[in-house]
Amino acid sequence: MPTPAAFVYRLNSQWSFAAPLDAVWRAIADADGWPSWWPGIQSTRLTDGDGRGLGALRRYRCRGALSLQLRFDARITRIEPPHLIEGRACGDLDGVGRCRLSHARGQTRVCFDWQVVHQRGLWPRALAPLAHALLRWNHDRLMAAGGRGLERHLARQAATA
């Protein structure tokens, strides 16, 4: 039997855009708008949090290239506009996620870091040692689709500005 540490997923993704930091920040911080540009993501606001969004609680449903759908709630635990959003997830996934933004030489870089474990459902835990590579591949496809979607979204916004 594997140790519980075998079920920890450390997932990292990076996006880069030839767009102003503020425009990328606005799109990332507006989780209500994600479904319009991020295929596979559904988001529902449960609570607003404070004026900056600290404490906001959302429910997410994510479906990548596989038929696996993950559901979890995430609460914003730290926010430093326009550079950092951090949250705690619970549900099918339990753990911490961070989104860091930086800007240099005309490029805005977005780095996502997740450290999560599967909490619900027998099959993800039972298959985690065997399915780790497949689940990572699925996560990477979902994130790549989000990056392409945000790039198109930013281009449309720039064209109408």
Foldseek 3Di string as FASTA:
>chain_A
DDDQVLQKDKAKDKFKALADLVLLQVCVVPPCCLVVQQPFKDKDWDDQDDPVRQQTKMWIWGFFPDRDIFIWIWGFHDDDPPFKTKIAIDGQKGWIKMWGWDDDPSMIMIMIITIIGGDDDDVCVVCSNPCVVVVNVRVHRSVVSSNVSVNVVRVVVVVVD
